[in-house]
N, C-alpha and C. Protein backbone atom coordinates (compact mmCIF):
# COMPACT_ATOMS: atom_id res chain seq x y z
N MET A 1 -40.07 6.67 3.15
CA MET A 1 -39.57 5.75 2.13
C MET A 1 -38.09 5.40 2.37
N LEU A 2 -37.30 6.43 2.77
CA LEU A 2 -35.92 6.13 3.01
C LEU A 2 -35.72 5.19 4.28
N THR A 3 -36.64 5.26 5.18
CA THR A 3 -36.53 4.34 6.36
C THR A 3 -36.68 2.91 5.90
N ARG A 4 -37.65 2.62 5.03
CA ARG A 4 -37.82 1.28 4.48
C ARG A 4 -36.59 0.84 3.69
N PHE A 5 -36.05 1.77 2.91
CA PHE A 5 -34.82 1.51 2.12
C PHE A 5 -33.66 1.20 3.04
N GLU A 6 -33.56 1.94 4.15
CA GLU A 6 -32.50 1.72 5.14
C GLU A 6 -32.62 0.28 5.72
N ASN A 7 -33.81 -0.13 6.09
CA ASN A 7 -34.03 -1.42 6.63
C ASN A 7 -33.66 -2.52 5.58
N TYR A 8 -34.02 -2.26 4.34
CA TYR A 8 -33.67 -3.18 3.27
C TYR A 8 -32.14 -3.32 3.16
N LEU A 9 -31.43 -2.21 3.14
CA LEU A 9 -29.96 -2.28 3.05
C LEU A 9 -29.36 -3.07 4.18
N ARG A 10 -29.84 -2.79 5.41
CA ARG A 10 -29.21 -3.45 6.56
C ARG A 10 -29.63 -4.95 6.65
N ASN A 11 -30.92 -5.20 6.54
CA ASN A 11 -31.46 -6.53 6.82
C ASN A 11 -31.49 -7.51 5.63
N ILE A 12 -31.71 -6.99 4.51
CA ILE A 12 -31.77 -7.88 3.32
C ILE A 12 -30.47 -7.94 2.57
N LYS A 13 -29.86 -6.76 2.33
CA LYS A 13 -28.60 -6.72 1.60
C LYS A 13 -27.43 -6.99 2.54
N GLY A 14 -27.59 -6.78 3.83
CA GLY A 14 -26.51 -7.06 4.77
C GLY A 14 -25.39 -6.02 4.74
N TYR A 15 -25.73 -4.77 4.36
CA TYR A 15 -24.73 -3.71 4.31
C TYR A 15 -24.38 -3.33 5.71
N SER A 16 -23.14 -2.88 5.88
CA SER A 16 -22.63 -2.47 7.21
C SER A 16 -23.34 -1.17 7.57
N GLU A 17 -23.24 -0.84 8.89
CA GLU A 17 -23.79 0.44 9.40
C GLU A 17 -23.21 1.60 8.66
N ARG A 18 -21.89 1.61 8.40
CA ARG A 18 -21.23 2.74 7.74
C ARG A 18 -21.72 2.87 6.28
N THR A 19 -21.78 1.77 5.52
CA THR A 19 -22.20 1.84 4.13
C THR A 19 -23.62 2.31 4.07
N THR A 20 -24.47 1.80 4.93
CA THR A 20 -25.88 2.23 4.99
C THR A 20 -26.00 3.69 5.30
N SER A 21 -25.29 4.18 6.23
CA SER A 21 -25.35 5.62 6.60
C SER A 21 -24.82 6.49 5.45
N GLU A 22 -23.76 6.05 4.74
CA GLU A 22 -23.26 6.82 3.64
C GLU A 22 -24.24 6.84 2.47
N TYR A 23 -24.89 5.75 2.20
CA TYR A 23 -25.97 5.70 1.18
C TYR A 23 -27.10 6.71 1.49
N LEU A 24 -27.50 6.69 2.77
CA LEU A 24 -28.60 7.58 3.14
C LEU A 24 -28.16 9.04 3.09
N LYS A 25 -26.92 9.33 3.55
CA LYS A 25 -26.41 10.69 3.40
C LYS A 25 -26.38 11.15 1.97
N ASP A 26 -25.95 10.24 1.05
CA ASP A 26 -25.90 10.61 -0.35
C ASP A 26 -27.32 10.90 -0.90
N LEU A 27 -28.28 10.07 -0.54
CA LEU A 27 -29.66 10.24 -1.03
C LEU A 27 -30.28 11.54 -0.48
N LYS A 28 -30.02 11.84 0.77
CA LYS A 28 -30.56 13.06 1.35
C LYS A 28 -29.95 14.25 0.65
N ALA A 29 -28.66 14.23 0.38
CA ALA A 29 -28.00 15.36 -0.33
C ALA A 29 -28.62 15.53 -1.75
N PHE A 30 -28.80 14.38 -2.41
CA PHE A 30 -29.44 14.48 -3.79
C PHE A 30 -30.87 15.00 -3.70
N ALA A 31 -31.65 14.55 -2.70
CA ALA A 31 -33.00 15.05 -2.53
C ALA A 31 -33.01 16.53 -2.20
N ARG A 32 -32.09 17.01 -1.43
CA ARG A 32 -31.99 18.46 -1.13
C ARG A 32 -31.74 19.22 -2.42
N TRP A 33 -30.79 18.73 -3.26
CA TRP A 33 -30.44 19.36 -4.50
C TRP A 33 -31.70 19.37 -5.41
N ALA A 34 -32.39 18.22 -5.49
CA ALA A 34 -33.55 18.16 -6.35
C ALA A 34 -34.63 19.12 -5.97
N LYS A 35 -34.85 19.33 -4.66
CA LYS A 35 -35.88 20.26 -4.21
C LYS A 35 -35.55 21.68 -4.58
N THR A 36 -34.24 22.03 -4.61
CA THR A 36 -33.90 23.41 -4.96
C THR A 36 -33.79 23.65 -6.45
N HIS A 37 -33.61 22.56 -7.20
CA HIS A 37 -33.39 22.68 -8.70
C HIS A 37 -34.56 22.22 -9.54
N ARG A 38 -35.48 21.45 -8.96
CA ARG A 38 -36.61 20.90 -9.68
C ARG A 38 -37.84 21.07 -8.88
N GLU A 39 -38.68 22.02 -9.27
CA GLU A 39 -39.90 22.30 -8.50
C GLU A 39 -40.78 21.08 -8.51
N GLY A 40 -41.24 20.73 -7.29
CA GLY A 40 -42.11 19.59 -7.14
C GLY A 40 -41.45 18.27 -7.43
N ALA A 41 -40.12 18.21 -7.34
CA ALA A 41 -39.39 16.99 -7.62
C ALA A 41 -39.75 15.87 -6.64
N LYS A 42 -39.98 14.73 -7.18
CA LYS A 42 -40.19 13.50 -6.41
C LYS A 42 -39.27 12.46 -7.02
N TRP A 43 -39.02 11.42 -6.25
CA TRP A 43 -38.13 10.35 -6.79
C TRP A 43 -38.69 9.80 -8.12
N SER A 44 -39.99 9.79 -8.21
CA SER A 44 -40.60 9.21 -9.49
C SER A 44 -40.48 10.15 -10.67
N THR A 45 -40.23 11.45 -10.45
CA THR A 45 -40.23 12.37 -11.56
C THR A 45 -38.80 12.80 -11.97
N LEU A 46 -37.79 12.38 -11.20
CA LEU A 46 -36.45 12.74 -11.55
C LEU A 46 -35.97 11.89 -12.75
N THR A 47 -35.16 12.50 -13.60
CA THR A 47 -34.77 11.81 -14.81
C THR A 47 -33.26 11.61 -14.85
N ARG A 48 -32.84 10.90 -15.84
CA ARG A 48 -31.41 10.64 -16.04
C ARG A 48 -30.62 12.02 -16.19
N SER A 49 -31.22 12.96 -16.91
CA SER A 49 -30.53 14.24 -17.07
C SER A 49 -30.43 15.02 -15.76
N ASP A 50 -31.40 14.83 -14.85
CA ASP A 50 -31.32 15.42 -13.53
C ASP A 50 -30.13 14.87 -12.74
N ILE A 51 -29.96 13.54 -12.81
CA ILE A 51 -28.88 12.90 -12.15
C ILE A 51 -27.57 13.30 -12.72
N ASP A 52 -27.52 13.39 -14.06
CA ASP A 52 -26.30 13.89 -14.76
C ASP A 52 -25.93 15.25 -14.27
N GLU A 53 -26.93 16.11 -14.18
CA GLU A 53 -26.66 17.53 -13.78
C GLU A 53 -26.12 17.52 -12.34
N TYR A 54 -26.75 16.74 -11.50
CA TYR A 54 -26.33 16.71 -10.07
C TYR A 54 -24.81 16.24 -9.96
N ILE A 55 -24.52 15.13 -10.64
CA ILE A 55 -23.19 14.59 -10.58
C ILE A 55 -22.16 15.57 -11.17
N THR A 56 -22.54 16.22 -12.26
CA THR A 56 -21.67 17.23 -12.92
C THR A 56 -21.41 18.38 -11.94
N GLN A 57 -22.47 18.83 -11.25
CA GLN A 57 -22.28 19.92 -10.28
C GLN A 57 -21.38 19.48 -9.16
N ARG A 58 -21.51 18.27 -8.69
CA ARG A 58 -20.68 17.76 -7.63
C ARG A 58 -19.23 17.76 -8.05
N ALA A 59 -18.95 17.31 -9.32
CA ALA A 59 -17.64 17.35 -9.85
C ALA A 59 -17.04 18.76 -9.88
N LYS A 60 -17.88 19.69 -10.29
CA LYS A 60 -17.41 21.12 -10.36
C LYS A 60 -17.08 21.63 -9.00
N GLU A 61 -17.81 21.10 -7.94
CA GLU A 61 -17.52 21.53 -6.59
C GLU A 61 -16.19 20.96 -6.04
N GLY A 62 -15.61 20.07 -6.82
CA GLY A 62 -14.29 19.50 -6.46
C GLY A 62 -14.43 18.15 -5.73
N ILE A 63 -15.61 17.58 -5.75
CA ILE A 63 -15.82 16.30 -5.06
C ILE A 63 -15.08 15.24 -5.84
N LYS A 64 -14.38 14.38 -5.17
CA LYS A 64 -13.57 13.35 -5.82
C LYS A 64 -14.42 12.34 -6.62
N PRO A 65 -13.87 11.79 -7.68
CA PRO A 65 -14.58 10.83 -8.48
C PRO A 65 -15.14 9.61 -7.70
N ALA A 66 -14.34 9.12 -6.77
CA ALA A 66 -14.77 7.94 -5.97
C ALA A 66 -16.05 8.31 -5.17
N THR A 67 -16.12 9.54 -4.65
CA THR A 67 -17.30 9.95 -3.91
C THR A 67 -18.53 10.13 -4.80
N THR A 68 -18.32 10.77 -5.95
CA THR A 68 -19.48 10.93 -6.85
C THR A 68 -19.94 9.60 -7.41
N ASN A 69 -19.01 8.69 -7.61
CA ASN A 69 -19.39 7.31 -8.05
C ASN A 69 -20.22 6.57 -6.94
N ARG A 70 -19.83 6.78 -5.69
CA ARG A 70 -20.59 6.19 -4.61
C ARG A 70 -22.01 6.84 -4.56
N GLU A 71 -22.07 8.18 -4.72
CA GLU A 71 -23.32 8.86 -4.74
C GLU A 71 -24.22 8.34 -5.84
N LEU A 72 -23.67 8.07 -6.99
CA LEU A 72 -24.38 7.52 -8.10
C LEU A 72 -24.82 6.08 -7.80
N ALA A 73 -23.98 5.30 -7.12
CA ALA A 73 -24.36 3.94 -6.71
C ALA A 73 -25.52 4.00 -5.71
N SER A 74 -25.50 4.96 -4.80
CA SER A 74 -26.57 5.12 -3.85
C SER A 74 -27.90 5.43 -4.51
N ILE A 75 -27.86 6.34 -5.46
CA ILE A 75 -29.09 6.73 -6.23
C ILE A 75 -29.58 5.53 -7.01
N SER A 76 -28.74 4.86 -7.66
CA SER A 76 -29.11 3.65 -8.48
C SER A 76 -29.68 2.59 -7.58
N ALA A 77 -29.08 2.36 -6.39
CA ALA A 77 -29.56 1.32 -5.51
C ALA A 77 -30.97 1.66 -5.04
N LEU A 78 -31.26 2.94 -4.73
CA LEU A 78 -32.60 3.31 -4.35
C LEU A 78 -33.60 3.03 -5.47
N TYR A 79 -33.27 3.38 -6.67
CA TYR A 79 -34.19 3.15 -7.78
C TYR A 79 -34.37 1.60 -8.04
N ARG A 80 -33.31 0.82 -7.84
CA ARG A 80 -33.44 -0.64 -7.95
C ARG A 80 -34.44 -1.15 -6.92
N TYR A 81 -34.33 -0.57 -5.68
CA TYR A 81 -35.24 -0.91 -4.60
C TYR A 81 -36.70 -0.59 -4.97
N PHE A 82 -36.91 0.62 -5.55
CA PHE A 82 -38.26 0.99 -5.98
C PHE A 82 -38.80 0.03 -7.04
N ILE A 83 -37.98 -0.38 -7.94
CA ILE A 83 -38.42 -1.38 -8.94
C ILE A 83 -38.72 -2.68 -8.29
N ARG A 84 -37.88 -3.16 -7.38
CA ARG A 84 -38.09 -4.37 -6.69
C ARG A 84 -39.43 -4.39 -5.92
N GLU A 85 -39.73 -3.18 -5.33
CA GLU A 85 -40.97 -3.10 -4.53
C GLU A 85 -42.16 -2.79 -5.44
N GLY A 86 -42.01 -2.64 -6.75
CA GLY A 86 -43.09 -2.40 -7.64
C GLY A 86 -43.56 -0.96 -7.63
N LEU A 87 -42.75 -0.05 -7.11
CA LEU A 87 -43.10 1.35 -7.01
C LEU A 87 -42.82 2.12 -8.32
N LEU A 88 -41.83 1.64 -9.07
CA LEU A 88 -41.35 2.26 -10.29
C LEU A 88 -41.00 1.16 -11.28
N THR A 89 -40.90 1.49 -12.59
CA THR A 89 -40.51 0.52 -13.57
C THR A 89 -39.21 0.90 -14.26
N ASN A 90 -38.69 2.08 -13.90
CA ASN A 90 -37.52 2.53 -14.60
C ASN A 90 -36.46 3.03 -13.62
N ASN A 91 -35.18 2.76 -13.88
CA ASN A 91 -34.10 3.24 -13.05
C ASN A 91 -33.32 4.26 -13.88
N PRO A 92 -33.55 5.56 -13.64
CA PRO A 92 -32.85 6.59 -14.43
C PRO A 92 -31.34 6.63 -14.22
N ALA A 93 -30.82 5.99 -13.15
CA ALA A 93 -29.41 5.98 -12.92
C ALA A 93 -28.74 4.68 -13.42
N ARG A 94 -29.54 3.85 -14.09
CA ARG A 94 -28.99 2.51 -14.45
C ARG A 94 -27.73 2.55 -15.29
N PHE A 95 -27.75 3.29 -16.36
CA PHE A 95 -26.63 3.27 -17.26
C PHE A 95 -25.81 4.55 -17.15
N GLN A 96 -25.89 5.19 -16.02
CA GLN A 96 -25.15 6.38 -15.78
C GLN A 96 -23.61 6.04 -15.83
N SER A 97 -22.83 6.87 -16.55
CA SER A 97 -21.45 6.61 -16.56
C SER A 97 -20.73 7.12 -15.35
N ARG A 98 -19.77 6.32 -14.90
CA ARG A 98 -19.05 6.65 -13.72
C ARG A 98 -17.80 7.49 -14.11
N ARG A 99 -17.35 8.31 -13.16
CA ARG A 99 -16.13 9.07 -13.40
C ARG A 99 -14.91 8.18 -13.21
N LYS A 100 -13.85 8.49 -13.96
CA LYS A 100 -12.61 7.75 -13.82
C LYS A 100 -11.98 8.07 -12.43
N VAL A 101 -11.57 6.99 -11.77
CA VAL A 101 -10.93 7.14 -10.48
C VAL A 101 -9.42 6.86 -10.71
N GLY A 102 -8.59 7.78 -10.28
CA GLY A 102 -7.14 7.54 -10.36
C GLY A 102 -6.76 6.57 -9.30
N HIS A 103 -5.89 5.66 -9.70
CA HIS A 103 -5.35 4.67 -8.76
C HIS A 103 -4.05 5.18 -8.20
N HIS A 104 -3.90 5.06 -6.95
CA HIS A 104 -2.65 5.45 -6.27
C HIS A 104 -2.09 4.31 -5.52
N LEU A 105 -0.75 4.35 -5.46
CA LEU A 105 -0.08 3.27 -4.73
C LEU A 105 -0.18 3.57 -3.21
N PRO A 106 -0.25 2.55 -2.42
CA PRO A 106 -0.34 2.80 -1.00
C PRO A 106 1.02 3.30 -0.48
N ASN A 107 0.93 3.96 0.67
CA ASN A 107 2.22 4.42 1.29
C ASN A 107 2.98 3.24 1.80
N THR A 108 4.27 3.26 1.54
CA THR A 108 5.08 2.11 1.99
C THR A 108 6.28 2.66 2.72
N ILE A 109 6.90 1.75 3.47
CA ILE A 109 8.10 2.10 4.21
C ILE A 109 9.27 1.92 3.26
N PRO A 110 10.17 2.89 3.21
CA PRO A 110 11.34 2.76 2.33
C PRO A 110 12.11 1.48 2.70
N SER A 111 12.62 0.86 1.63
CA SER A 111 13.31 -0.46 1.75
C SER A 111 14.44 -0.44 2.76
N GLU A 112 15.18 0.66 2.76
CA GLU A 112 16.35 0.76 3.68
C GLU A 112 15.85 0.78 5.13
N ASP A 113 14.79 1.52 5.42
CA ASP A 113 14.26 1.60 6.74
C ASP A 113 13.69 0.26 7.20
N LEU A 114 13.03 -0.44 6.30
CA LEU A 114 12.46 -1.74 6.59
C LEU A 114 13.62 -2.75 6.94
N GLN A 115 14.67 -2.73 6.12
CA GLN A 115 15.78 -3.65 6.36
C GLN A 115 16.45 -3.31 7.71
N LYS A 116 16.58 -2.02 8.03
CA LYS A 116 17.21 -1.58 9.28
C LYS A 116 16.31 -2.08 10.47
N ALA A 117 15.02 -1.87 10.38
CA ALA A 117 14.13 -2.28 11.44
C ALA A 117 14.15 -3.82 11.61
N TYR A 118 14.14 -4.52 10.50
CA TYR A 118 14.23 -5.99 10.58
C TYR A 118 15.53 -6.49 11.24
N ALA A 119 16.61 -5.88 10.83
CA ALA A 119 17.92 -6.29 11.38
C ALA A 119 18.04 -5.98 12.86
N ASN A 120 17.39 -4.92 13.29
CA ASN A 120 17.53 -4.51 14.72
C ASN A 120 16.41 -5.05 15.64
N SER A 121 15.55 -5.87 15.08
CA SER A 121 14.45 -6.43 15.86
C SER A 121 14.77 -7.89 16.33
N VAL A 122 14.04 -8.28 17.39
CA VAL A 122 14.21 -9.64 17.90
C VAL A 122 12.85 -10.17 18.24
N GLY A 123 12.78 -11.49 18.35
CA GLY A 123 11.60 -12.19 18.82
C GLY A 123 10.37 -12.02 17.95
N VAL A 124 9.27 -11.69 18.63
CA VAL A 124 8.00 -11.56 17.95
C VAL A 124 8.04 -10.39 16.96
N VAL A 125 8.66 -9.31 17.33
CA VAL A 125 8.67 -8.13 16.43
C VAL A 125 9.45 -8.48 15.17
N HIS A 126 10.51 -9.23 15.28
CA HIS A 126 11.25 -9.68 14.13
C HIS A 126 10.40 -10.44 13.20
N VAL A 127 9.66 -11.38 13.72
CA VAL A 127 8.75 -12.20 12.93
C VAL A 127 7.69 -11.35 12.28
N TRP A 128 7.11 -10.46 13.05
CA TRP A 128 6.06 -9.58 12.48
C TRP A 128 6.55 -8.74 11.34
N ILE A 129 7.66 -8.11 11.51
CA ILE A 129 8.19 -7.25 10.44
C ILE A 129 8.42 -8.12 9.21
N GLY A 130 9.00 -9.28 9.40
CA GLY A 130 9.26 -10.21 8.25
C GLY A 130 7.93 -10.61 7.54
N LEU A 131 6.93 -10.98 8.31
CA LEU A 131 5.66 -11.40 7.69
C LEU A 131 4.95 -10.23 7.02
N LEU A 132 5.00 -9.03 7.60
CA LEU A 132 4.32 -7.92 7.01
C LEU A 132 5.04 -7.60 5.67
N SER A 133 6.36 -7.64 5.64
CA SER A 133 7.06 -7.23 4.39
C SER A 133 7.05 -8.32 3.37
N THR A 134 6.99 -9.56 3.70
CA THR A 134 7.00 -10.61 2.71
C THR A 134 5.63 -11.04 2.19
N THR A 135 4.61 -10.89 3.00
CA THR A 135 3.26 -11.32 2.60
C THR A 135 2.40 -10.13 2.10
N GLY A 136 2.69 -8.94 2.56
CA GLY A 136 1.85 -7.82 2.17
C GLY A 136 0.60 -7.67 2.95
N ILE A 137 0.45 -8.40 4.06
CA ILE A 137 -0.80 -8.30 4.84
C ILE A 137 -0.74 -6.99 5.64
N ARG A 138 -1.89 -6.63 6.08
CA ARG A 138 -2.03 -5.40 6.90
C ARG A 138 -1.71 -5.75 8.36
N ILE A 139 -1.39 -4.70 9.14
CA ILE A 139 -1.07 -4.92 10.54
C ILE A 139 -2.33 -5.50 11.20
N SER A 140 -3.48 -4.98 10.92
CA SER A 140 -4.71 -5.47 11.56
C SER A 140 -4.96 -6.93 11.22
N GLU A 141 -4.56 -7.33 9.99
CA GLU A 141 -4.75 -8.75 9.63
C GLU A 141 -3.78 -9.63 10.37
N LEU A 142 -2.54 -9.12 10.57
CA LEU A 142 -1.56 -9.88 11.34
C LEU A 142 -1.99 -10.00 12.79
N LEU A 143 -2.53 -8.93 13.36
CA LEU A 143 -2.96 -9.00 14.77
C LEU A 143 -4.18 -9.97 14.95
N GLY A 144 -4.93 -10.15 13.87
CA GLY A 144 -6.12 -11.02 13.94
C GLY A 144 -5.80 -12.47 13.60
N LEU A 145 -4.54 -12.76 13.27
CA LEU A 145 -4.12 -14.12 12.88
C LEU A 145 -4.08 -15.06 14.09
N LYS A 146 -4.68 -16.20 13.95
CA LYS A 146 -4.70 -17.22 15.06
C LYS A 146 -3.90 -18.43 14.53
N TRP A 147 -3.46 -19.25 15.52
CA TRP A 147 -2.72 -20.43 15.18
C TRP A 147 -3.44 -21.37 14.21
N GLU A 148 -4.77 -21.46 14.43
CA GLU A 148 -5.51 -22.35 13.56
C GLU A 148 -5.68 -21.83 12.15
N ASP A 149 -5.26 -20.58 11.93
CA ASP A 149 -5.29 -19.94 10.55
C ASP A 149 -4.00 -20.29 9.78
N ILE A 150 -3.08 -20.98 10.40
CA ILE A 150 -1.76 -21.26 9.80
C ILE A 150 -1.70 -22.72 9.38
N ASP A 151 -1.40 -22.98 8.16
CA ASP A 151 -1.15 -24.36 7.67
C ASP A 151 0.35 -24.47 7.51
N PHE A 152 0.96 -25.17 8.45
CA PHE A 152 2.41 -25.29 8.48
C PHE A 152 2.98 -26.17 7.39
N LYS A 153 2.13 -27.07 6.84
CA LYS A 153 2.60 -27.92 5.73
C LYS A 153 2.73 -27.13 4.43
N THR A 154 1.76 -26.26 4.15
CA THR A 154 1.79 -25.54 2.88
C THR A 154 2.33 -24.11 3.00
N CYS A 155 2.63 -23.72 4.21
CA CYS A 155 3.09 -22.37 4.53
C CYS A 155 2.02 -21.32 4.19
N ALA A 156 0.73 -21.68 4.35
CA ALA A 156 -0.34 -20.79 3.99
C ALA A 156 -0.91 -20.16 5.23
N LEU A 157 -1.28 -18.92 5.13
CA LEU A 157 -1.92 -18.16 6.20
C LEU A 157 -3.32 -17.75 5.73
N GLU A 158 -4.34 -18.18 6.47
CA GLU A 158 -5.69 -17.71 6.13
C GLU A 158 -5.96 -16.42 6.79
N ILE A 159 -6.09 -15.38 5.97
CA ILE A 159 -6.21 -13.99 6.44
C ILE A 159 -7.65 -13.58 6.32
N ASN A 160 -8.16 -12.98 7.43
CA ASN A 160 -9.47 -12.30 7.38
C ASN A 160 -9.20 -10.83 7.20
N GLY A 161 -9.49 -10.36 5.98
CA GLY A 161 -9.15 -8.98 5.62
C GLY A 161 -10.25 -7.96 5.71
N LYS A 162 -10.03 -6.85 5.06
CA LYS A 162 -11.05 -5.75 5.04
C LYS A 162 -12.33 -6.27 4.46
N GLY A 163 -13.44 -5.80 5.01
CA GLY A 163 -14.73 -6.17 4.54
C GLY A 163 -15.08 -7.63 4.92
N ASP A 164 -14.37 -8.13 5.92
CA ASP A 164 -14.58 -9.54 6.44
C ASP A 164 -14.39 -10.56 5.27
N LYS A 165 -13.47 -10.25 4.36
CA LYS A 165 -13.14 -11.15 3.30
C LYS A 165 -11.92 -12.04 3.64
N ASP A 166 -12.03 -13.29 3.40
CA ASP A 166 -10.93 -14.22 3.65
C ASP A 166 -10.14 -14.45 2.41
N ARG A 167 -8.80 -14.60 2.61
CA ARG A 167 -7.89 -14.93 1.53
C ARG A 167 -6.75 -15.70 2.08
N ILE A 168 -6.04 -16.35 1.18
CA ILE A 168 -4.85 -17.08 1.56
C ILE A 168 -3.61 -16.39 1.08
N VAL A 169 -2.60 -16.24 1.93
CA VAL A 169 -1.29 -15.76 1.57
C VAL A 169 -0.29 -16.76 1.98
N TYR A 170 0.85 -16.74 1.34
CA TYR A 170 1.89 -17.74 1.63
C TYR A 170 3.16 -17.04 2.14
N THR A 171 3.85 -17.78 2.97
CA THR A 171 5.12 -17.32 3.55
C THR A 171 6.09 -18.43 3.37
N THR A 172 7.30 -18.26 3.95
CA THR A 172 8.30 -19.32 3.78
C THR A 172 8.35 -20.19 5.07
N PRO A 173 8.87 -21.40 4.89
CA PRO A 173 9.04 -22.28 6.09
C PRO A 173 9.90 -21.63 7.18
N GLU A 174 10.84 -20.81 6.73
CA GLU A 174 11.72 -20.17 7.71
C GLU A 174 10.96 -19.22 8.62
N TYR A 175 10.01 -18.50 8.06
CA TYR A 175 9.22 -17.57 8.92
C TYR A 175 8.28 -18.36 9.81
N LEU A 176 7.76 -19.45 9.35
CA LEU A 176 6.93 -20.21 10.20
C LEU A 176 7.72 -20.82 11.39
N GLU A 177 8.94 -21.22 11.10
CA GLU A 177 9.80 -21.74 12.16
C GLU A 177 10.16 -20.63 13.15
N LEU A 178 10.44 -19.43 12.66
CA LEU A 178 10.66 -18.29 13.52
C LEU A 178 9.43 -18.02 14.37
N MET A 179 8.24 -18.14 13.83
CA MET A 179 6.98 -17.92 14.58
C MET A 179 6.91 -18.94 15.74
N ARG A 180 7.21 -20.18 15.40
CA ARG A 180 7.13 -21.24 16.47
C ARG A 180 8.07 -20.94 17.59
N GLN A 181 9.32 -20.43 17.24
CA GLN A 181 10.30 -20.17 18.24
C GLN A 181 9.94 -18.91 19.07
N ALA A 182 9.33 -17.93 18.42
CA ALA A 182 9.02 -16.68 19.10
C ALA A 182 7.80 -16.84 20.05
N TYR A 183 6.92 -17.79 19.71
CA TYR A 183 5.75 -18.01 20.60
C TYR A 183 5.94 -19.21 21.40
């Protein structure tokens, strides 16, 4: 059954290799737990309280909220698949509450260090440091930037970011002129 679900995630839903493997890892861990805690447990016999108990146990083990939320999403996705395939009519994970995830700020370079690096750089590196600090793009996004992604009239950069998502960021005409000179 999990093999068919894996094919569904990859081929129909278009999930990445990593996401698919994480979902399967989560489901296998939940299935192992169910076998040791619920005699004769099958996907069709597990209940919302079983899922609650599993997630609660995982939290007590110190598993981070983001991980248990993903595990819950994996379980819910499997049950949605069962319903889609006509194998079940109920998703016991459907209205399961998610754990609160603390938001943290990304690591940044101290302002003084950034100013010092910018002042001591030349050419392409000077432009790169300026673009990274003023636009907030990632280094990988900067390295993937092509000339055709730059609109010199509007100072817009079309960025292909994480998860293959495109977005537009803006810079100043001065940086675009520095880019022309550096390249």
